[in-house]
C-alpha atoms as a PDB file:
ATOM      1  CA  UNK A   1      -0.516   4.337 -17.003  1.00  0.00           C
ATOM      2  CA  UNK A   2      -2.690   4.101 -13.912  1.00  0.00           C
ATOM      3  CA  UNK A   3      -0.536   1.820 -11.803  1.00  0.00           C
ATOM      4  CA  UNK A   4      -0.266   2.605  -8.052  1.00  0.00           C
ATOM      5  CA  UNK A   5       2.708   0.310  -7.432  1.00  0.00           C
ATOM      6  CA  UNK A   6       3.217   1.076  -3.756  1.00  0.00           C
ATOM      7  CA  UNK A   7      -0.366   0.248  -2.878  1.00  0.00           C
ATOM      8  CA  UNK A   8       0.403  -3.433  -3.144  1.00  0.00           C
ATOM      9  CA  UNK A   9       2.438  -3.528   0.028  1.00  0.00           C
ATOM     10  CA  UNK A  10       0.995  -3.429   3.496  1.00  0.00           C
ATOM     11  CA  UNK A  11       4.088  -1.717   4.838  1.00  0.00           C
ATOM     12  CA  UNK A  12       2.783   1.501   3.302  1.00  0.00           C
ATOM     13  CA  UNK A  13       0.800   1.774   6.490  1.00  0.00           C
ATOM     14  CA  UNK A  14       3.636   2.039   9.030  1.00  0.00           C
ATOM     15  CA  UNK A  15       3.112   3.946  12.251  1.00  0.00           C
ATOM     16  CA  UNK A  16       4.482   7.494  12.001  1.00  0.00           C
ATOM     17  CA  UNK A  17       3.539   8.738  15.413  1.00  0.00           C
ATOM     18  CA  UNK A  18       6.456   7.282  17.358  1.00  0.00           C
ATOM     19  CA  UNK A  19       8.948  10.115  17.913  1.00  0.00           C
ATOM     20  CA  UNK A  20      11.847   7.711  18.277  1.00  0.00           C
ATOM     21  CA  UNK A  21      11.121   6.132  14.923  1.00  0.00           C
ATOM     22  CA  UNK A  22      10.688   9.556  13.376  1.00  0.00           C
ATOM     23  CA  UNK A  23      14.083  10.687  14.639  1.00  0.00           C
ATOM     24  CA  UNK A  24      15.815   7.444  13.676  1.00  0.00           C
ATOM     25  CA  UNK A  25      14.524   7.703  10.138  1.00  0.00           C
ATOM     26  CA  UNK A  26      15.484  11.350   9.876  1.00  0.00           C
ATOM     27  CA  UNK A  27      19.019  10.664  11.071  1.00  0.00           C
ATOM     28  CA  UNK A  28      19.397   7.873   8.561  1.00  0.00           C
ATOM     29  CA  UNK A  29      18.348  10.219   5.786  1.00  0.00           C
ATOM     30  CA  UNK A  30      20.908  12.814   6.831  1.00  0.00           C
ATOM     31  CA  UNK A  31      23.738  10.512   7.802  1.00  0.00           C
ATOM     32  CA  UNK A  32      23.853   7.519   5.498  1.00  0.00           C
ATOM     33  CA  UNK A  33      26.009   7.870   2.425  1.00  0.00           C
ATOM     34  CA  UNK A  34      23.235   6.521   0.250  1.00  0.00           C
ATOM     35  CA  UNK A  35      19.811   8.032   0.981  1.00  0.00           C
ATOM     36  CA  UNK A  36      18.339   4.897  -0.594  1.00  0.00           C
ATOM     37  CA  UNK A  37      18.654   3.409   2.886  1.00  0.00           C
ATOM     38  CA  UNK A  38      15.369   5.095   3.800  1.00  0.00           C
ATOM     39  CA  UNK A  39      12.274   2.982   4.179  1.00  0.00           C
ATOM     40  CA  UNK A  40       9.760   3.929   1.542  1.00  0.00           C
ATOM     41  CA  UNK A  41       7.176   3.002   4.132  1.00  0.00           C
ATOM     42  CA  UNK A  42       8.210   6.127   6.007  1.00  0.00           C
ATOM     43  CA  UNK A  43       8.529   8.542   3.112  1.00  0.00           C
ATOM     44  CA  UNK A  44       5.743  10.675   4.561  1.00  0.00           C
ATOM     45  CA  UNK A  45       7.946  11.416   7.564  1.00  0.00           C
ATOM     46  CA  UNK A  46      10.485  13.223   5.439  1.00  0.00           C
ATOM     47  CA  UNK A  47       8.230  15.242   3.197  1.00  0.00           C
ATOM     48  CA  UNK A  48       7.729  18.002   5.816  1.00  0.00           C
ATOM     49  CA  UNK A  49      11.495  18.124   6.305  1.00  0.00           C
ATOM     50  CA  UNK A  50      11.894  19.189   2.710  1.00  0.00           C
ATOM     51  CA  UNK A  51       9.189  21.806   2.687  1.00  0.00           C
ATOM     52  CA  UNK A  52       6.406  19.943   0.882  1.00  0.00           C
ATOM     53  CA  UNK A  53       3.553  22.387   0.452  1.00  0.00           C
ATOM     54  CA  UNK A  54      -0.045  21.503  -0.303  1.00  0.00           C
ATOM     55  CA  UNK A  55      -1.993  24.220  -2.053  1.00  0.00           C
ATOM     56  CA  UNK A  56      -5.152  25.475  -0.348  1.00  0.00           C
ATOM     57  CA  UNK A  57      -7.283  24.595  -3.339  1.00  0.00           C
ATOM     58  CA  UNK A  58      -6.088  20.986  -3.095  1.00  0.00           C
ATOM     59  CA  UNK A  59      -7.214  20.873   0.532  1.00  0.00           C
ATOM     60  CA  UNK A  60     -10.611  22.220  -0.457  1.00  0.00           C
ATOM     61  CA  UNK A  61     -10.756  19.608  -3.204  1.00  0.00           C
ATOM     62  CA  UNK A  62     -10.042  16.883  -0.666  1.00  0.00           C
ATOM     63  CA  UNK A  63     -12.715  18.006   1.760  1.00  0.00           C
ATOM     64  CA  UNK A  64     -15.311  18.208  -0.972  1.00  0.00           C
ATOM     65  CA  UNK A  65     -14.341  15.053  -2.807  1.00  0.00           C
ATOM     66  CA  UNK A  66     -14.017  12.794   0.182  1.00  0.00           C
ATOM     67  CA  UNK A  67     -16.988  13.906   2.215  1.00  0.00           C
ATOM     68  CA  UNK A  68     -18.790  10.960   3.766  1.00  0.00           C
ATOM     69  CA  UNK A  69     -21.922  10.007   1.854  1.00  0.00           C
ATOM     70  CA  UNK A  70     -23.871   6.797   1.407  1.00  0.00           C
ATOM     71  CA  UNK A  71     -20.692   5.074   0.256  1.00  0.00           C
ATOM     72  CA  UNK A  72     -19.555   1.944   2.010  1.00  0.00           C
ATOM     73  CA  UNK A  73     -16.376  -0.075   1.413  1.00  0.00           C
ATOM     74  CA  UNK A  74     -16.947  -3.739   0.645  1.00  0.00           C
ATOM     75  CA  UNK A  75     -17.174  -6.318   3.416  1.00  0.00           C
ATOM     76  CA  UNK A  76     -17.606 -10.015   2.619  1.00  0.00           C
ATOM     77  CA  UNK A  77     -18.439 -13.008   4.789  1.00  0.00           C
ATOM     78  CA  UNK A  78     -16.968 -16.402   3.921  1.00  0.00           C
ATOM     79  CA  UNK A  79     -18.283 -19.499   5.637  1.00  0.00           C
ATOM     80  CA  UNK A  80     -16.056 -22.553   5.807  1.00  0.00           C
ATOM     81  CA  UNK A  81     -16.136 -25.969   7.351  1.00  0.00           C
ATOM     82  CA  UNK A  82     -16.086 -24.823  10.949  1.00  0.00           C
ATOM     83  CA  UNK A  83     -14.611 -21.335  10.564  1.00  0.00           C
ATOM     84  CA  UNK A  84     -15.694 -17.879   9.404  1.00  0.00           C
ATOM     85  CA  UNK A  85     -13.739 -15.131   7.636  1.00  0.00           C
ATOM     86  CA  UNK A  86     -14.750 -11.513   7.315  1.00  0.00           C
ATOM     87  CA  UNK A  87     -12.894 -10.088   4.302  1.00  0.00           C
ATOM     88  CA  UNK A  88     -12.312  -6.335   4.040  1.00  0.00           C
ATOM     89  CA  UNK A  89     -10.455  -4.561   1.234  1.00  0.00           C
ATOM     90  CA  UNK A  90      -8.180  -1.700   2.266  1.00  0.00           C
ATOM     91  CA  UNK A  91      -6.314   1.271   0.911  1.00  0.00           C
ATOM     92  CA  UNK A  92      -3.124   1.624   2.900  1.00  0.00           C
ATOM     93  CA  UNK A  93      -3.316   5.437   2.933  1.00  0.00           C
ATOM     94  CA  UNK A  94      -6.614   7.283   3.410  1.00  0.00           C
ATOM     95  CA  UNK A  95      -7.790  10.887   3.817  1.00  0.00           C
ATOM     96  CA  UNK A  96      -8.523  11.807   7.401  1.00  0.00           C
ATOM     97  CA  UNK A  97     -12.143  11.902   8.439  1.00  0.00           C
ATOM     98  CA  UNK A  98     -13.477   9.129   6.229  1.00  0.00           C
ATOM     99  CA  UNK A  99     -15.473   6.822   8.484  1.00  0.00           C
ATOM    100  CA  UNK A 100     -14.889   3.389   6.987  1.00  0.00           C
ATOM    101  CA  UNK A 101     -15.718   1.625  10.262  1.00  0.00           C
ATOM    102  CA  UNK A 102     -19.398   1.181   9.502  1.00  0.00           C
ATOM    103  CA  UNK A 103     -21.741  -0.664  11.887  1.00  0.00           C
ATOM    104  CA  UNK A 104     -21.220  -3.812   9.779  1.00  0.00           C
ATOM    105  CA  UNK A 105     -17.436  -3.536  10.071  1.00  0.00           C
ATOM    106  CA  UNK A 106     -17.625  -2.868  13.805  1.00  0.00           C
ATOM    107  CA  UNK A 107     -19.833  -5.916  14.280  1.00  0.00           C
ATOM    108  CA  UNK A 108     -17.440  -8.081  12.262  1.00  0.00           C
ATOM    109  CA  UNK A 109     -14.473  -6.865  14.308  1.00  0.00           C
ATOM    110  CA  UNK A 110     -16.314  -7.531  17.560  1.00  0.00           C
ATOM    111  CA  UNK A 111     -17.147 -11.086  16.467  1.00  0.00           C
ATOM    112  CA  UNK A 112     -13.628 -11.890  15.308  1.00  0.00           C
ATOM    113  CA  UNK A 113     -11.107 -13.817  17.364  1.00  0.00           C
ATOM    114  CA  UNK A 114      -8.142 -13.005  15.089  1.00  0.00           C
ATOM    115  CA  UNK A 115      -7.165  -9.946  13.012  1.00  0.00           C
ATOM    116  CA  UNK A 116      -5.156 -10.782   9.874  1.00  0.00           C
ATOM    117  CA  UNK A 117      -3.194  -8.223   7.831  1.00  0.00           C
ATOM    118  CA  UNK A 118      -0.861  -8.541   4.859  1.00  0.00           C
ATOM    119  CA  UNK A 119       2.154  -7.814   7.070  1.00  0.00           C
ATOM    120  CA  UNK A 120       2.939  -6.400  10.535  1.00  0.00           C
ATOM    121  CA  UNK A 121       2.713  -2.616  10.975  1.00  0.00           C
ATOM    122  CA  UNK A 122       3.713  -0.125  13.643  1.00  0.00           C
ATOM    123  CA  UNK A 123       6.076  -0.100  16.619  1.00  0.00           C
ATOM    124  CA  UNK A 124       9.059  -2.428  16.450  1.00  0.00           C
ATOM    125  CA  UNK A 125       7.837  -3.724  13.083  1.00  0.00           C
ATOM    126  CA  UNK A 126       8.428  -0.267  11.621  1.00  0.00           C
ATOM    127  CA  UNK A 127      12.013  -0.237  12.884  1.00  0.00           C
ATOM    128  CA  UNK A 128      12.572  -3.665  11.395  1.00  0.00           C
ATOM    129  CA  UNK A 129      11.285  -2.432   8.040  1.00  0.00           C
ATOM    130  CA  UNK A 130      13.822   0.391   8.079  1.00  0.00           C
ATOM    131  CA  UNK A 131      16.653  -2.095   8.572  1.00  0.00           C
ATOM    132  CA  UNK A 132      15.381  -4.314   5.760  1.00  0.00           C
ATOM    133  CA  UNK A 133      15.181  -1.388   3.340  1.00  0.00           C
ATOM    134  CA  UNK A 134      18.731  -0.445   4.252  1.00  0.00           C
ATOM    135  CA  UNK A 135      19.846  -3.838   3.049  1.00  0.00           C
ATOM    136  CA  UNK A 136      17.758  -3.947  -0.120  1.00  0.00           C
ATOM    137  CA  UNK A 137      18.270  -0.334  -1.144  1.00  0.00           C
ATOM    138  CA  UNK A 138      22.066  -0.080  -1.020  1.00  0.00           C
ATOM    139  CA  UNK A 139      22.740  -0.600  -4.676  1.00  0.00           C
ATOM    140  CA  UNK A 140      25.740  -0.247  -6.936  1.00  0.00           C
ATOM    141  CA  UNK A 141      25.738   3.069  -8.865  1.00  0.00           C
ATOM    142  CA  UNK A 142      25.114   1.091 -12.045  1.00  0.00           C
ATOM    143  CA  UNK A 143      21.798  -0.086 -10.555  1.00  0.00           C
ATOM    144  CA  UNK A 144      20.538   3.375  -9.621  1.00  0.00           C
ATOM    145  CA  UNK A 145      17.957   5.626 -11.233  1.00  0.00           C
ATOM    146  CA  UNK A 146      20.777   7.828 -12.490  1.00  0.00           C
ATOM    147  CA  UNK A 147      22.300   4.915 -14.412  1.00  0.00           C
ATOM    148  CA  UNK A 148      19.174   3.071 -15.561  1.00  0.00           C
ATOM    149  CA  UNK A 149      16.586   5.713 -16.454  1.00  0.00           C
ATOM    150  CA  UNK A 150      16.875   7.012 -20.053  1.00  0.00           C
ATOM    151  CA  UNK A 151      18.227  10.562 -20.167  1.00  0.00           C
ATOM    152  CA  UNK A 152      15.178  12.027 -21.900  1.00  0.00           C
ATOM    153  CA  UNK A 153      12.994  11.045 -18.907  1.00  0.00           C
ATOM    154  CA  UNK A 154      15.256  12.568 -16.264  1.00  0.00           C
ATOM    155  CA  UNK A 155      14.218  16.243 -16.593  1.00  0.00           C
ATOM    156  CA  UNK A 156      10.567  15.390 -15.878  1.00  0.00           C
ATOM    157  CA  UNK A 157      11.550  13.084 -13.028  1.00  0.00           C
ATOM    158  CA  UNK A 158      13.724  15.822 -11.547  1.00  0.00           C
ATOM    159  CA  UNK A 159      10.880  18.341 -11.899  1.00  0.00           C
ATOM    160  CA  UNK A 160       8.436  16.040 -10.129  1.00  0.00           C
ATOM    161  CA  UNK A 161      10.873  15.254  -7.320  1.00  0.00           C
ATOM    162  CA  UNK A 162      11.325  18.972  -6.688  1.00  0.00           C
ATOM    163  CA  UNK A 163       7.570  19.580  -6.851  1.00  0.00           C
ATOM    164  CA  UNK A 164       6.932  17.008  -4.150  1.00  0.00           C
ATOM    165  CA  UNK A 165       9.862  17.918  -1.922  1.00  0.00           C
ATOM    166  CA  UNK A 166      12.156  14.981  -2.744  1.00  0.00           C
ATOM    167  CA  UNK A 167      15.680  16.195  -3.626  1.00  0.00           C
ATOM    168  CA  UNK A 168      16.681  14.802  -7.004  1.00  0.00           C
ATOM    169  CA  UNK A 169      20.287  14.410  -5.876  1.00  0.00           C
ATOM    170  CA  UNK A 170      19.018  11.850  -3.354  1.00  0.00           C
ATOM    171  CA  UNK A 171      16.319  10.239  -5.443  1.00  0.00           C
ATOM    172  CA  UNK A 172      18.563   9.529  -8.417  1.00  0.00           C
ATOM    173  CA  UNK A 173      20.893   7.362  -6.299  1.00  0.00           C
ATOM    174  CA  UNK A 174      18.078   4.978  -5.349  1.00  0.00           C
ATOM    175  CA  UNK A 175      17.086   1.813  -7.191  1.00  0.00           C
ATOM    176  CA  UNK A 176      14.159   2.561  -9.521  1.00  0.00           C
ATOM    177  CA  UNK A 177      11.652   0.545  -7.510  1.00  0.00           C
ATOM    178  CA  UNK A 178      12.294   2.592  -4.364  1.00  0.00           C
ATOM    179  CA  UNK A 179      12.373   5.939  -6.162  1.00  0.00           C
ATOM    180  CA  UNK A 180       9.063   5.118  -7.827  1.00  0.00           C
ATOM    181  CA  UNK A 181       7.441   4.219  -4.525  1.00  0.00           C
ATOM    182  CA  UNK A 182       8.661   7.428  -2.897  1.00  0.00           C
ATOM    183  CA  UNK A 183       7.280   9.545  -5.739  1.00  0.00           C
ATOM    184  CA  UNK A 184       3.937   7.742  -5.665  1.00  0.00           C
ATOM    185  CA  UNK A 185       3.554   8.107  -1.917  1.00  0.00           C
ATOM    186  CA  UNK A 186       4.449  11.782  -2.129  1.00  0.00           C
ATOM    187  CA  UNK A 187       1.538  12.261  -4.546  1.00  0.00           C
ATOM    188  CA  UNK A 188      -0.916  10.646  -2.151  1.00  0.00           C
ATOM    189  CA  UNK A 189       0.480  12.543   0.815  1.00  0.00           C
ATOM    190  CA  UNK A 190       0.213  15.874  -1.004  1.00  0.00           C
ATOM    191  CA  UNK A 191      -3.470  15.156  -1.603  1.00  0.00           C
ATOM    192  CA  UNK A 192      -4.195  14.663   2.065  1.00  0.00           C
ATOM    193  CA  UNK A 193      -3.817  10.874   2.315  1.00  0.00           C
ATOM    194  CA  UNK A 194      -1.961   9.505   5.319  1.00  0.00           C
ATOM    195  CA  UNK A 195      -0.945   6.073   6.631  1.00  0.00           C
ATOM    196  CA  UNK A 196      -2.162   7.289  10.026  1.00  0.00           C
ATOM    197  CA  UNK A 197      -5.688   7.261   8.606  1.00  0.00           C
ATOM    198  CA  UNK A 198      -5.215   3.988   6.733  1.00  0.00           C
ATOM    199  CA  UNK A 199      -7.124   0.862   7.659  1.00  0.00           C
ATOM    200  CA  UNK A 200      -4.114  -1.120   8.871  1.00  0.00           C
ATOM    201  CA  UNK A 201      -2.752   1.612  11.115  1.00  0.00           C
ATOM    202  CA  UNK A 202      -6.192   2.291  12.557  1.00  0.00           C
ATOM    203  CA  UNK A 203      -6.688  -1.366  13.396  1.00  0.00           C
ATOM    204  CA  UNK A 204      -3.186  -1.842  14.795  1.00  0.00           C
ATOM    205  CA  UNK A 205      -3.467   1.218  17.035  1.00  0.00           C
ATOM    206  CA  UNK A 206      -6.932   0.427  18.407  1.00  0.00           C
ATOM    207  CA  UNK A 207      -6.543  -0.566  22.090  1.00  0.00           C
ATOM    208  CA  UNK A 208      -9.834  -2.470  21.983  1.00  0.00           C
ATOM    209  CA  UNK A 209      -8.383  -4.868  19.417  1.00  0.00           C
ATOM    210  CA  UNK A 210      -5.094  -5.559  21.179  1.00  0.00           C
ATOM    211  CA  UNK A 211      -6.647  -8.326  23.246  1.00  0.00           C
ATOM    212  CA  UNK A 212      -7.355 -10.283  20.094  1.00  0.00           C
ATOM    213  CA  UNK A 213      -4.891 -12.575  18.336  1.00  0.00           C
ATOM    214  CA  UNK A 214      -3.070 -11.179  15.287  1.00  0.00           C
ATOM    215  CA  UNK A 215      -1.675 -12.939  12.235  1.00  0.00           C
ATOM    216  CA  UNK A 216      -0.086 -11.985   8.920  1.00  0.00           C
ATOM    217  CA  UNK A 217       0.223 -13.364   5.407  1.00  0.00           C
ATOM    218  CA  UNK A 218       3.745 -12.066   4.783  1.00  0.00           C
ATOM    219  CA  UNK A 219       6.794 -10.569   6.459  1.00  0.00           C
ATOM    220  CA  UNK A 220       8.096  -7.062   5.648  1.00  0.00           C
ATOM    221  CA  UNK A 221      11.188  -8.668   4.121  1.00  0.00           C
ATOM    222  CA  UNK A 222       9.087 -10.777   1.767  1.00  0.00           C
ATOM    223  CA  UNK A 223       7.040  -7.765   0.729  1.00  0.00           C
ATOM    224  CA  UNK A 224      10.045  -5.569  -0.004  1.00  0.00           C
ATOM    225  CA  UNK A 225      11.632  -8.438  -1.873  1.00  0.00           C
ATOM    226  CA  UNK A 226       8.746  -8.488  -4.342  1.00  0.00           C
ATOM    227  CA  UNK A 227      10.063  -5.165  -5.654  1.00  0.00           C
ATOM    228  CA  UNK A 228      13.768  -5.298  -4.879  1.00  0.00           C
ATOM    229  CA  UNK A 229      14.232  -8.625  -6.668  1.00  0.00           C
ATOM    230  CA  UNK A 230      12.547  -7.540  -9.886  1.00  0.00           C
ATOM    231  CA  UNK A 231      14.756  -7.415 -13.013  1.00  0.00           C
ATOM    232  CA  UNK A 232      16.171  -3.996 -13.844  1.00  0.00           C
ATOM    233  CA  UNK A 233      13.930  -3.516 -16.891  1.00  0.00           C
ATOM    234  CA  UNK A 234      10.843  -4.145 -14.756  1.00  0.00           C
ATOM    235  CA  UNK A 235      12.043  -1.674 -12.127  1.00  0.00           C
ATOM    236  CA  UNK A 236      12.651   0.955 -14.796  1.00  0.00           C
ATOM    237  CA  UNK A 237       9.153   0.408 -16.162  1.00  0.00           C
ATOM    238  CA  UNK A 238       7.759   0.829 -12.655  1.00  0.00           C
ATOM    239  CA  UNK A 239       9.554   4.143 -12.232  1.00  0.00           C
ATOM    240  CA  UNK A 240       8.487   5.495 -15.620  1.00  0.00           C
ATOM    241  CA  UNK A 241       4.900   4.373 -15.046  1.00  0.00           C
ATOM    242  CA  UNK A 242       4.905   6.203 -11.729  1.00  0.00           C
ATOM    243  CA  UNK A 243       5.963   9.399 -13.478  1.00  0.00           C
ATOM    244  CA  UNK A 244       3.085   8.963 -15.915  1.00  0.00           C
ATOM    245  CA  UNK A 245       0.700   8.243 -13.035  1.00  0.00           C
ATOM    246  CA  UNK A 246       1.681  11.475 -11.332  1.00  0.00           C
ATOM    247  CA  UNK A 247       0.746  13.442 -14.439  1.00  0.00           C
ATOM    248  CA  UNK A 248      -2.860  12.452 -13.736  1.00  0.00           C
ATOM    249  CA  UNK A 249      -2.616  13.682 -10.157  1.00  0.00           C
ATOM    250  CA  UNK A 250      -5.726  13.850  -8.033  1.00  0.00           C
ATOM    251  CA  UNK A 251      -8.024  12.575 -10.808  1.00  0.00           C
ATOM    252  CA  UNK A 252      -6.453   9.124 -10.610  1.00  0.00           C
ATOM    253  CA  UNK A 253      -6.412   9.114  -6.820  1.00  0.00           C
ATOM    254  CA  UNK A 254     -10.048  10.187  -6.744  1.00  0.00           C
ATOM    255  CA  UNK A 255     -11.114   7.397  -9.089  1.00  0.00           C
ATOM    256  CA  UNK A 256      -9.331   4.784  -6.994  1.00  0.00           C
ATOM    257  CA  UNK A 257     -10.713   6.103  -3.723  1.00  0.00           C
ATOM    258  CA  UNK A 258     -14.232   6.353  -5.127  1.00  0.00           C
ATOM    259  CA  UNK A 259     -14.178   2.739  -6.305  1.00  0.00           C
ATOM    260  CA  UNK A 260     -12.924   1.558  -2.916  1.00  0.00           C
ATOM    261  CA  UNK A 261     -15.360   3.706  -0.914  1.00  0.00           C
ATOM    262  CA  UNK A 262     -18.296   2.205  -2.826  1.00  0.00           C
ATOM    263  CA  UNK A 263     -17.038  -1.380  -2.619  1.00  0.00           C
ATOM    264  CA  UNK A 264     -16.971  -1.576  -6.428  1.00  0.00           C
ATOM    265  CA  UNK A 265     -14.759  -4.655  -6.890  1.00  0.00           C
ATOM    266  CA  UNK A 266     -15.012  -4.712 -10.673  1.00  0.00           C
ATOM    267  CA  UNK A 267     -13.935  -1.087 -10.954  1.00  0.00           C
ATOM    268  CA  UNK A 268     -11.176  -1.591  -8.397  1.00  0.00           C
ATOM    269  CA  UNK A 269      -9.841  -4.492 -10.435  1.00  0.00           C
ATOM    270  CA  UNK A 270      -9.792  -2.301 -13.526  1.00  0.00           C
ATOM    271  CA  UNK A 271      -8.077   0.636 -11.841  1.00  0.00           C
ATOM    272  CA  UNK A 272      -5.613  -1.374  -9.748  1.00  0.00           C
ATOM    273  CA  UNK A 273      -4.810  -4.261 -12.070  1.00  0.00           C
ATOM    274  CA  UNK A 274      -5.645  -3.706 -15.728  1.00  0.00           C
ATOM    275  CA  UNK A 275      -2.728  -1.521 -16.726  1.00  0.00           C
ATOM    276  CA  UNK A 276      -0.226  -3.415 -14.621  1.00  0.00           C
ATOM    277  CA  UNK A 277      -1.318  -6.610 -16.319  1.00  0.00           C
ATOM    278  CA  UNK A 278      -0.905  -5.029 -19.755  1.00  0.00           C
ATOM    279  CA  UNK A 279       2.331  -3.143 -19.136  1.00  0.00           C
ATOM    280  CA  UNK A 280       4.218  -5.648 -17.004  1.00  0.00           C
ATOM    281  CA  UNK A 281       2.770  -9.172 -16.950  1.00  0.00           C
ATOM    282  CA  UNK A 282       5.735 -10.402 -14.893  1.00  0.00           C
ATOM    283  CA  UNK A 283       5.151  -7.816 -12.196  1.00  0.00           C
ATOM    284  CA  UNK A 284       1.412  -8.515 -12.160  1.00  0.00           C
ATOM    285  CA  UNK A 285       2.196 -12.206 -11.725  1.00  0.00           C
ATOM    286  CA  UNK A 286       4.489 -11.458  -8.769  1.00  0.00           C
ATOM    287  CA  UNK A 287       2.490  -8.775  -6.964  1.00  0.00           C
ATOM    288  CA  UNK A 288      -0.996 -10.122  -7.544  1.00  0.00           C
ATOM    289  CA  UNK A 289      -1.390 -13.628  -8.925  1.00  0.00           C
ATOM    290  CA  UNK A 290       1.315 -15.424  -6.936  1.00  0.00           C
ATOM    291  CA  UNK A 291       0.558 -13.650  -3.682  1.00  0.00           C
ATOM    292  CA  UNK A 292      -3.178 -14.305  -3.877  1.00  0.00           C
ATOM    293  CA  UNK A 293      -2.503 -17.942  -4.670  1.00  0.00           C
ATOM    294  CA  UNK A 294      -0.009 -18.241  -1.815  1.00  0.00           C
ATOM    295  CA  UNK A 295      -2.604 -16.937   0.633  1.00  0.00           C
ATOM    296  CA  UNK A 296      -5.140 -19.667  -0.150  1.00  0.00           C
ATOM    297  CA  UNK A 297      -3.748 -22.400   2.158  1.00  0.00           C
ATOM    298  CA  UNK A 298      -3.928 -19.928   5.052  1.00  0.00           C
ATOM    299  CA  UNK A 299      -7.545 -19.180   4.168  1.00  0.00           C
ATOM    300  CA  UNK A 300      -8.209 -22.951   4.157  1.00  0.00           C
ATOM    301  CA  UNK A 301      -6.821 -23.174   7.681  1.00  0.00           C
ATOM    302  CA  UNK A 302      -8.825 -20.202   8.898  1.00  0.00           C
ATOM    303  CA  UNK A 303     -12.042 -21.576   7.442  1.00  0.00           C
ATOM    304  CA  UNK A 304     -11.849 -24.868   9.306  1.00  0.00           C
ATOM    305  CA  UNK A 305     -10.318 -24.134  12.714  1.00  0.00           C
ATOM    306  CA  UNK A 306     -13.509 -23.032  14.449  1.00  0.00           C
ATOM    307  CA  UNK A 307     -12.544 -19.405  14.976  1.00  0.00           C
ATOM    308  CA  UNK A 308     -13.694 -16.157  13.338  1.00  0.00           C
ATOM    309  CA  UNK A 309     -11.181 -14.009  11.451  1.00  0.00           C
ATOM    310  CA  UNK A 310     -11.204 -10.411  10.246  1.00  0.00           C
ATOM    311  CA  UNK A 311      -8.927 -10.314   7.192  1.00  0.00           C
ATOM    312  CA  UNK A 312      -7.917  -6.874   5.843  1.00  0.00           C
ATOM    313  CA  UNK A 313      -5.874  -6.868   2.616  1.00  0.00           C
ATOM    314  CA  UNK A 314      -5.321  -4.360  -0.171  1.00  0.00           C
ATOM    315  CA  UNK A 315      -8.478  -3.782  -2.221  1.00  0.00           C
ATOM    316  CA  UNK A 316      -6.661  -4.567  -5.457  1.00  0.00           C
ATOM    317  CA  UNK A 317      -6.272  -8.174  -4.328  1.00  0.00           C
ATOM    318  CA  UNK A 318     -10.008  -8.851  -4.272  1.00  0.00           C
ATOM    319  CA  UNK A 319     -11.390  -8.593  -7.814  1.00  0.00           C
ATOM    320  CA  UNK A 320     -10.824 -10.307 -11.150  1.00  0.00           C
ATOM    321  CA  UNK A 321     -10.377 -13.949 -12.012  1.00  0.00           C
ATOM    322  CA  UNK A 322      -7.076 -14.011 -10.127  1.00  0.00           C
ATOM    323  CA  UNK A 323      -8.535 -12.185  -7.111  1.00  0.00           C
ATOM    324  CA  UNK A 324      -9.023 -13.542  -3.629  1.00  0.00           C
ATOM    325  CA  UNK A 325     -12.814 -13.649  -3.955  1.00  0.00           C
ATOM    326  CA  UNK A 326     -12.734 -15.685  -7.179  1.00  0.00           C
ATOM    327  CA  UNK A 327     -10.086 -18.054  -5.797  1.00  0.00           C
ATOM    328  CA  UNK A 328     -12.125 -18.698  -2.655  1.00  0.00           C
ATOM    329  CA  UNK A 329     -15.239 -19.364  -4.716  1.00  0.00           C
ATOM    330  CA  UNK A 330     -13.311 -21.811  -6.878  1.00  0.00           C
ATOM    331  CA  UNK A 331     -12.365 -23.667  -3.712  1.00  0.00           C
ATOM    332  CA  UNK A 332     -16.051 -24.077  -2.909  1.00  0.00           C
ATOM    333  CA  UNK A 333     -16.479 -21.415  -0.250  1.00  0.00           C
ATOM    334  CA  UNK A 334     -19.620 -19.242  -0.366  1.00  0.00           C
ATOM    335  CA  UNK A 335     -18.622 -15.567  -0.438  1.00  0.00           C
ATOM    336  CA  UNK A 336     -21.402 -13.135   0.464  1.00  0.00           C
ATOM    337  CA  UNK A 337     -21.231  -9.335   0.202  1.00  0.00           C
ATOM    338  CA  UNK A 338     -22.682  -7.790   3.346  1.00  0.00           C
END
């Protein structure tokens, strides 16, 4: 199953560079009785602490596979009744060195009065996310991976957790949704992807953009709740699908990155959405359909208030009949690929 669950949440792009946040997260990992109190958004902070090693051949693979070419991520312009929206699809973690800020993107950013992300990232927002995860992730032992995952899947899960530097004794005490996210992010991190290079972090840390207004579709608490409030059987399916995803390793990651880098919305929809829709219709409804639909009134406001917006949301939200582009077109807005 090719289902990158964690990619649906903007908080995957938290700001890791703040030493105080780094230390606070590390102390929580070491001190709290239940390691599930960690923010999955900061899983990449802890991987070095547990000796995660990336093979040299994987680094060579990354440099060759992700070399900048004629590829260009998709950028769309939507004209409304008095307002303009630039729509850009993101991947929350990216390999370093990929120059996604093309001249077209730079021009759109310069023209925009407001930057809009899925949710706040960086600084105090990161600390808030940690506190929210503490609340959501403290589960009864009967709600943990150890209790809910079938025994015949545990040896492979334990093997993968060791391979990616996540102690199984910690991982198994987490709720399945959080354990699955941590495993998935560890795969991306091992292949050279980093939130520091992601679109959201790059935008949020750009001093030239700080003078602009900022807005968000969701809060970190709402985003985490999409996973934490799922029924146990859905969470288990998420965890098992993540294990299957990791079997495909860099091939899956490469396909997803390639589709995004070329702005191939149809292919992105297939890679990001198709299997989720087939395997867990309820989760697809929650993570994709409902969220896209809930964003539409905000788009209506943006497209009539006389200002120009740069909207950056996960690439998987754009394509398909439930995607943001199709929903905007159904509302009568012209959407033009730049």
